Amino acid sequence: MTAGPAAVSASGQEDTRTRLLATALRLFTEHGVEGTSLQMIADALGVTKAAVYYHFKTKDEITGAVAEPGLRELDLVVAEASRLRRRGAQVDHLLTGFVDIVVRHRTLVALFSRDPGVTRALTDSWATRENFSVRMMEIFTGPEGDTNRAIAAHAAITGIALTGGAPQFADLDDDTLRAHLLDVGRRLLGRPRRVS
């Protein structure tokens, strides 16, 4: 069975959208969100600005779409961790999942860490979701959540994200970065170190 014209057209549109998002992320990384125009994205793609508008009406929509895969993955990891029975299993699952997301989306994490335009652009996207950081803090601190645990959890979340996106570690391979981030996260959260 061959694909009909509608399938080909939909596939072509999805391919253009995928390329558009990859191009936008590259340009956002090079110029910042505020420093990147829709025209720059169109020029880099070799299409008209109208073609960009076909997929997204605003740069904020593009920014949200660029961030969406990482946010969706984080939402899933937090939900999975919440369903586990033991607190230690919840913490371990969330820590491992968070580190994996940070490593997999390094470029996006770096952009989040240094570009205030991303936060502004994602305001609407975050408004439709329960705040990830609150849910992560609840799991990492536990029900008794004293100040020491809260500070350690905040240091772990922020430190892992900032370090994972730091340009000085961009040359580290994924496995090495993941191992270091997990080790630091376990120490900050008071979790036992895993023997390899």
Protein backbone atom coordinates (compact mmCIF):
# COMPACT_ATOMS: atom_id res chain seq x y z
CA MET A 1 0.00 0.00 0.00
CA THR A 2 1.40 3.40 -0.95
CA ALA A 3 0.92 6.65 0.87
CA GLY A 4 -1.53 9.04 -0.73
CA PRO A 5 -0.91 12.73 -1.39
CA ALA A 6 -2.30 13.75 1.99
CA ALA A 7 0.20 11.50 3.79
CA VAL A 8 3.08 12.87 1.76
CA SER A 9 1.94 16.42 2.40
CA ALA A 10 1.56 15.82 6.15
CA SER A 11 5.00 14.18 6.26
CA GLY A 12 6.54 17.12 4.41
CA GLN A 13 4.90 19.58 6.81
CA GLU A 14 6.16 17.61 9.81
CA ASP A 15 9.65 17.51 8.32
CA THR A 16 9.58 21.29 7.78
CA ARG A 17 8.32 21.81 11.34
CA THR A 18 11.06 19.56 12.74
CA ARG A 19 13.73 21.38 10.73
CA LEU A 20 12.26 24.72 11.77
CA LEU A 21 12.49 23.81 15.47
CA ALA A 22 16.07 22.52 15.12
CA THR A 23 17.04 25.70 13.27
CA ALA A 24 15.33 27.89 15.86
CA LEU A 25 17.16 26.13 18.71
CA ARG A 26 20.50 26.64 16.93
CA LEU A 27 19.77 30.32 16.31
CA PHE A 28 18.46 30.84 19.85
CA THR A 29 21.70 29.33 21.14
CA GLU A 30 23.82 31.59 18.94
CA HIS A 31 21.84 34.85 19.26
CA GLY A 32 19.45 34.37 22.19
CA VAL A 33 15.68 34.27 21.89
CA GLU A 34 15.38 38.05 21.81
CA GLY A 35 18.18 38.34 19.23
CA THR A 36 16.59 35.85 16.84
CA SER A 37 13.86 37.03 14.47
CA LEU A 38 11.34 34.99 12.53
CA GLN A 39 13.03 36.30 9.39
CA MET A 40 16.38 34.90 10.57
CA ILE A 41 14.75 31.50 11.09
CA ALA A 42 13.15 31.64 7.62
CA ASP A 43 16.44 32.68 6.00
CA ALA A 44 18.38 29.88 7.73
CA LEU A 45 15.77 27.37 6.56
CA GLY A 46 15.69 28.78 3.03
CA VAL A 47 11.95 29.43 3.17
CA THR A 48 9.75 32.51 3.27
CA LYS A 49 8.64 34.12 6.50
CA ALA A 50 5.10 33.10 5.49
CA ALA A 51 6.22 29.45 5.61
CA VAL A 52 7.36 29.97 9.20
CA TYR A 53 4.02 31.64 10.02
CA TYR A 54 2.24 28.59 8.59
CA HIS A 55 3.62 26.54 11.48
CA PHE A 56 3.91 29.17 14.24
CA LYS A 57 2.33 32.58 14.64
CA THR A 58 4.90 33.98 17.09
CA LYS A 59 8.46 33.45 18.25
CA ASP A 60 7.06 32.59 21.70
CA GLU A 61 5.15 29.68 20.10
CA ILE A 62 8.39 28.48 18.51
CA THR A 63 10.22 28.78 21.84
CA GLY A 64 7.49 26.76 23.54
CA ALA A 65 7.62 24.10 20.84
CA VAL A 66 11.42 23.89 21.09
CA ALA A 67 11.14 23.33 24.86
CA GLU A 68 8.13 21.01 24.74
CA PRO A 69 9.91 17.64 24.36
CA GLY A 70 12.09 18.25 27.42
CA LEU A 71 9.18 19.57 29.47
CA ARG A 72 7.01 16.61 28.49
CA GLU A 73 9.78 14.18 29.46
CA LEU A 74 10.22 15.91 32.81
CA ASP A 75 6.48 15.79 33.45
CA LEU A 76 6.50 12.05 32.74
CA VAL A 77 9.48 11.37 35.03
CA VAL A 78 7.91 13.35 37.88
CA ALA A 79 4.59 11.50 37.42
CA GLU A 80 6.36 8.11 37.36
CA ALA A 81 8.34 8.96 40.50
CA SER A 82 5.17 10.10 42.28
CA ARG A 83 3.54 6.72 41.70
CA LEU A 84 6.34 4.72 43.34
CA ARG A 85 5.66 3.56 46.90
CA ARG A 86 8.97 4.00 48.66
CA ARG A 87 10.36 7.50 49.09
CA GLY A 88 13.89 6.30 48.28
CA ALA A 89 12.67 4.78 45.02
CA GLN A 90 10.86 8.05 44.19
CA VAL A 91 14.00 10.12 44.81
CA ASP A 92 16.23 7.75 42.85
CA HIS A 93 13.84 7.58 39.89
CA LEU A 94 13.39 11.36 39.77
CA LEU A 95 17.11 12.05 40.15
CA THR A 96 18.09 9.58 37.42
CA GLY A 97 15.32 10.78 35.09
CA PHE A 98 16.14 14.45 35.66
CA VAL A 99 19.84 13.89 34.98
CA ASP A 100 19.02 11.92 31.82
CA ILE A 101 16.82 14.76 30.56
CA VAL A 102 19.46 17.38 31.33
CA VAL A 103 22.12 15.37 29.47
CA ARG A 104 19.86 14.56 26.51
CA HIS A 105 18.74 18.20 26.14
CA ARG A 106 22.03 19.94 26.99
CA THR A 107 21.63 22.66 24.39
CA LEU A 108 18.13 23.51 25.56
CA VAL A 109 19.19 23.42 29.22
CA ALA A 110 22.07 25.80 28.44
CA LEU A 111 19.62 28.14 26.74
CA PHE A 112 17.22 27.99 29.72
CA SER A 113 20.09 28.76 32.07
CA ARG A 114 21.33 31.90 30.39
CA ASP A 115 18.54 33.44 28.31
CA PRO A 116 15.75 35.33 30.11
CA GLY A 117 13.84 35.41 26.81
CA VAL A 118 13.14 31.69 27.20
CA THR A 119 11.47 32.15 30.60
CA ARG A 120 9.32 35.00 29.29
CA ALA A 121 8.34 33.03 26.19
CA LEU A 122 7.40 29.95 28.21
CA THR A 123 5.13 31.72 30.68
CA ASP A 124 1.98 30.50 28.91
CA SER A 125 3.31 26.96 28.56
CA TRP A 126 4.18 26.77 32.26
CA ALA A 127 0.80 28.23 33.26
CA THR A 128 -0.99 25.20 31.83
CA ARG A 129 1.10 22.76 33.87
CA GLU A 130 1.61 22.17 37.53
CA ASN A 131 4.96 23.74 38.39
CA PHE A 132 7.66 21.09 37.91
CA SER A 133 9.98 22.56 40.51
CA VAL A 134 7.30 22.37 43.22
CA ARG A 135 6.54 18.74 42.41
CA MET A 136 10.25 17.88 42.24
CA MET A 137 10.89 19.59 45.58
CA GLU A 138 8.04 17.64 47.20
CA ILE A 139 9.58 14.35 46.09
CA PHE A 140 13.17 15.31 46.94
CA THR A 141 12.37 16.76 50.38
CA GLY A 142 9.76 14.23 51.46
CA PRO A 143 6.75 14.86 53.68
CA GLU A 144 8.82 16.23 56.58
CA GLY A 145 10.70 18.59 54.22
CA ASP A 146 12.89 20.47 56.69
CA THR A 147 15.06 23.42 55.68
CA ASN A 148 18.22 21.33 55.24
CA ARG A 149 16.49 18.93 52.84
CA ALA A 150 14.86 21.80 50.95
CA ILE A 151 18.21 23.55 50.48
CA ALA A 152 19.88 20.30 49.39
CA ALA A 153 17.04 19.60 46.91
CA HIS A 154 17.20 23.10 45.48
CA ALA A 155 20.99 22.88 45.17
CA ALA A 156 20.65 19.50 43.42
CA ILE A 157 18.01 20.67 40.91
CA THR A 158 19.69 23.97 40.12
CA GLY A 159 23.22 22.61 40.20
CA ILE A 160 22.47 19.68 37.92
CA ALA A 161 20.70 21.91 35.39
CA LEU A 162 23.32 24.67 35.39
CA THR A 163 26.22 22.23 35.25
CA GLY A 164 24.61 20.06 32.57
CA GLY A 165 24.19 23.09 30.33
CA ALA A 166 27.52 24.73 31.17
CA PRO A 167 29.69 25.40 28.10
CA GLN A 168 32.87 24.26 29.88
CA PHE A 169 31.46 20.71 30.02
CA ALA A 170 30.11 20.63 26.46
CA ASP A 171 32.99 18.38 25.35
CA LEU A 172 32.26 15.71 27.96
CA ASP A 173 30.59 12.66 26.49
CA ASP A 174 27.06 11.93 27.70
CA ASP A 175 27.99 8.93 29.88
CA THR A 176 30.74 10.82 31.71
CA LEU A 177 28.56 13.87 32.32
CA ARG A 178 25.65 11.67 33.44
CA ALA A 179 27.85 9.77 35.91
CA HIS A 180 29.23 12.98 37.46
CA LEU A 181 25.81 14.64 37.72
CA LEU A 182 24.29 11.54 39.32
CA ASP A 183 27.15 11.29 41.80
CA VAL A 184 26.80 14.92 42.85
CA GLY A 185 23.01 14.66 42.99
CA ARG A 186 23.16 11.57 45.21
CA ARG A 187 25.58 13.28 47.58
CA LEU A 188 23.45 16.43 47.80
CA LEU A 189 20.28 14.42 48.40
CA GLY A 190 21.87 12.02 50.88
CA ARG A 191 21.30 8.97 48.68
CA PRO A 192 23.63 5.96 48.72
CA ARG A 193 26.20 5.90 45.95
CA ARG A 194 25.76 3.13 43.43
CA VAL A 195 28.64 0.79 42.76
CA SER A 196 29.36 0.34 39.03
